[in-house]
Amino acid sequence: MDQYSTSELRSQLKIVRRNMANSKEMYDSFVEQEKLLQNELNKRIAKAKNK
């Protein structure tokens, strides 16, 4: 890290924080998608059992 200037470190930190925020948004989206898919699957399984 010694080869980086203070301003470069600040820039890199900003980039990392932005990437972390974007990654969290993507993760949250995947979690929501997984819930929707699991709920739909559960409904279909329950419907099939009631036939």
N, C-alpha and C. Protein backbone atom coordinates (compact mmCIF):
# COMPACT_ATOMS: atom_id res chain seq x y z
N MET A 1 0.80 -1.20 0.00
CA MET A 1 0.00 0.00 0.00
C MET A 1 0.86 1.27 0.00
N ASP A 2 2.11 1.12 0.33
CA ASP A 2 2.99 2.28 0.40
C ASP A 2 3.15 2.98 -0.96
N GLN A 3 2.91 2.24 -2.04
CA GLN A 3 3.12 2.83 -3.36
C GLN A 3 1.97 3.75 -3.76
N TYR A 4 0.87 3.73 -3.02
CA TYR A 4 -0.28 4.57 -3.34
C TYR A 4 -0.20 5.90 -2.60
N SER A 5 -0.60 6.97 -3.30
CA SER A 5 -0.70 8.27 -2.63
C SER A 5 -1.99 8.31 -1.82
N THR A 6 -2.10 9.29 -0.96
CA THR A 6 -3.30 9.43 -0.14
C THR A 6 -4.54 9.60 -1.01
N SER A 7 -4.44 10.40 -2.05
CA SER A 7 -5.60 10.60 -2.93
C SER A 7 -5.96 9.33 -3.68
N GLU A 8 -4.97 8.53 -4.06
CA GLU A 8 -5.25 7.25 -4.71
C GLU A 8 -5.94 6.29 -3.75
N LEU A 9 -5.50 6.29 -2.50
CA LEU A 9 -6.15 5.44 -1.50
C LEU A 9 -7.61 5.87 -1.30
N ARG A 10 -7.85 7.16 -1.26
CA ARG A 10 -9.22 7.65 -1.12
C ARG A 10 -10.06 7.24 -2.32
N SER A 11 -9.50 7.34 -3.49
CA SER A 11 -10.22 6.94 -4.71
C SER A 11 -10.54 5.45 -4.70
N GLN A 12 -9.56 4.66 -4.33
CA GLN A 12 -9.77 3.22 -4.27
C GLN A 12 -10.82 2.86 -3.22
N LEU A 13 -10.79 3.54 -2.10
CA LEU A 13 -11.78 3.30 -1.04
C LEU A 13 -13.18 3.65 -1.54
N LYS A 14 -13.30 4.73 -2.27
CA LYS A 14 -14.60 5.13 -2.84
C LYS A 14 -15.11 4.06 -3.80
N ILE A 15 -14.22 3.55 -4.63
CA ILE A 15 -14.59 2.51 -5.60
C ILE A 15 -15.04 1.25 -4.87
N VAL A 16 -14.29 0.85 -3.85
CA VAL A 16 -14.62 -0.36 -3.09
C VAL A 16 -15.98 -0.20 -2.41
N ARG A 17 -16.23 0.95 -1.84
CA ARG A 17 -17.51 1.19 -1.16
C ARG A 17 -18.67 1.16 -2.15
N ARG A 18 -18.46 1.74 -3.33
CA ARG A 18 -19.50 1.70 -4.37
C ARG A 18 -19.75 0.27 -4.82
N ASN A 19 -18.69 -0.50 -5.00
CA ASN A 19 -18.83 -1.91 -5.40
C ASN A 19 -19.56 -2.71 -4.33
N MET A 20 -19.25 -2.43 -3.07
CA MET A 20 -19.93 -3.12 -1.97
C MET A 20 -21.42 -2.80 -1.97
N ALA A 21 -21.77 -1.54 -2.18
CA ALA A 21 -23.18 -1.15 -2.21
C ALA A 21 -23.90 -1.82 -3.37
N ASN A 22 -23.26 -1.84 -4.54
CA ASN A 22 -23.85 -2.50 -5.71
C ASN A 22 -24.01 -3.99 -5.47
N SER A 23 -23.02 -4.60 -4.85
CA SER A 23 -23.09 -6.03 -4.57
C SER A 23 -24.22 -6.34 -3.59
N LYS A 24 -24.40 -5.49 -2.60
CA LYS A 24 -25.49 -5.70 -1.63
C LYS A 24 -26.84 -5.59 -2.33
N GLU A 25 -26.99 -4.62 -3.22
CA GLU A 25 -28.25 -4.48 -3.97
C GLU A 25 -28.51 -5.73 -4.80
N MET A 26 -27.48 -6.23 -5.46
CA MET A 26 -27.64 -7.45 -6.26
C MET A 26 -28.00 -8.63 -5.37
N TYR A 27 -27.32 -8.77 -4.25
CA TYR A 27 -27.61 -9.87 -3.32
C TYR A 27 -29.06 -9.80 -2.84
N ASP A 28 -29.49 -8.61 -2.43
CA ASP A 28 -30.86 -8.44 -1.97
C ASP A 28 -31.86 -8.80 -3.06
N SER A 29 -31.55 -8.45 -4.28
CA SER A 29 -32.41 -8.79 -5.42
C SER A 29 -32.48 -10.31 -5.61
N PHE A 30 -31.35 -10.97 -5.50
CA PHE A 30 -31.33 -12.44 -5.63
C PHE A 30 -32.11 -13.11 -4.51
N VAL A 31 -31.99 -12.57 -3.30
CA VAL A 31 -32.73 -13.12 -2.17
C VAL A 31 -34.23 -13.00 -2.42
N GLU A 32 -34.66 -11.85 -2.91
CA GLU A 32 -36.09 -11.65 -3.21
C GLU A 32 -36.55 -12.59 -4.32
N GLN A 33 -35.74 -12.75 -5.34
CA GLN A 33 -36.07 -13.66 -6.43
C GLN A 33 -36.18 -15.09 -5.92
N GLU A 34 -35.27 -15.48 -5.05
CA GLU A 34 -35.30 -16.84 -4.49
C GLU A 34 -36.57 -17.06 -3.69
N LYS A 35 -36.98 -16.05 -2.92
CA LYS A 35 -38.22 -16.16 -2.13
C LYS A 35 -39.43 -16.33 -3.04
N LEU A 36 -39.48 -15.53 -4.10
CA LEU A 36 -40.61 -15.63 -5.03
C LEU A 36 -40.67 -17.01 -5.68
N LEU A 37 -39.53 -17.52 -6.11
CA LEU A 37 -39.48 -18.83 -6.74
C LEU A 37 -39.86 -19.93 -5.76
N GLN A 38 -39.35 -19.84 -4.53
CA GLN A 38 -39.66 -20.85 -3.53
C GLN A 38 -41.15 -20.83 -3.18
N ASN A 39 -41.72 -19.64 -3.05
CA ASN A 39 -43.15 -19.53 -2.76
C ASN A 39 -44.00 -20.13 -3.88
N GLU A 40 -43.63 -19.86 -5.11
CA GLU A 40 -44.37 -20.42 -6.25
C GLU A 40 -44.26 -21.94 -6.26
N LEU A 41 -43.07 -22.45 -6.02
CA LEU A 41 -42.87 -23.89 -5.97
C LEU A 41 -43.71 -24.52 -4.86
N ASN A 42 -43.70 -23.90 -3.70
CA ASN A 42 -44.49 -24.41 -2.57
C ASN A 42 -45.98 -24.43 -2.90
N LYS A 43 -46.46 -23.39 -3.57
CA LYS A 43 -47.88 -23.35 -3.96
C LYS A 43 -48.22 -24.48 -4.91
N ARG A 44 -47.34 -24.70 -5.86
CA ARG A 44 -47.61 -25.78 -6.85
C ARG A 44 -47.57 -27.16 -6.20
N ILE A 45 -46.64 -27.35 -5.29
CA ILE A 45 -46.56 -28.63 -4.58
C ILE A 45 -47.82 -28.84 -3.75
N ALA A 46 -48.25 -27.82 -3.05
CA ALA A 46 -49.46 -27.93 -2.22
C ALA A 46 -50.69 -28.20 -3.09
N LYS A 47 -50.76 -27.53 -4.22
CA LYS A 47 -51.89 -27.72 -5.14
C LYS A 47 -51.90 -29.16 -5.67
N ALA A 48 -50.73 -29.68 -6.00
CA ALA A 48 -50.63 -31.04 -6.53
C ALA A 48 -51.04 -32.07 -5.47
N LYS A 49 -50.73 -31.81 -4.21
CA LYS A 49 -51.09 -32.73 -3.14
C LYS A 49 -52.59 -32.74 -2.87
N ASN A 50 -53.26 -31.64 -3.17
CA ASN A 50 -54.69 -31.53 -2.90
C ASN A 50 -55.55 -32.11 -4.02
N LYS A 51 -54.96 -32.58 -5.06
CA LYS A 51 -55.73 -33.15 -6.18
C LYS A 51 -56.14 -34.56 -5.88
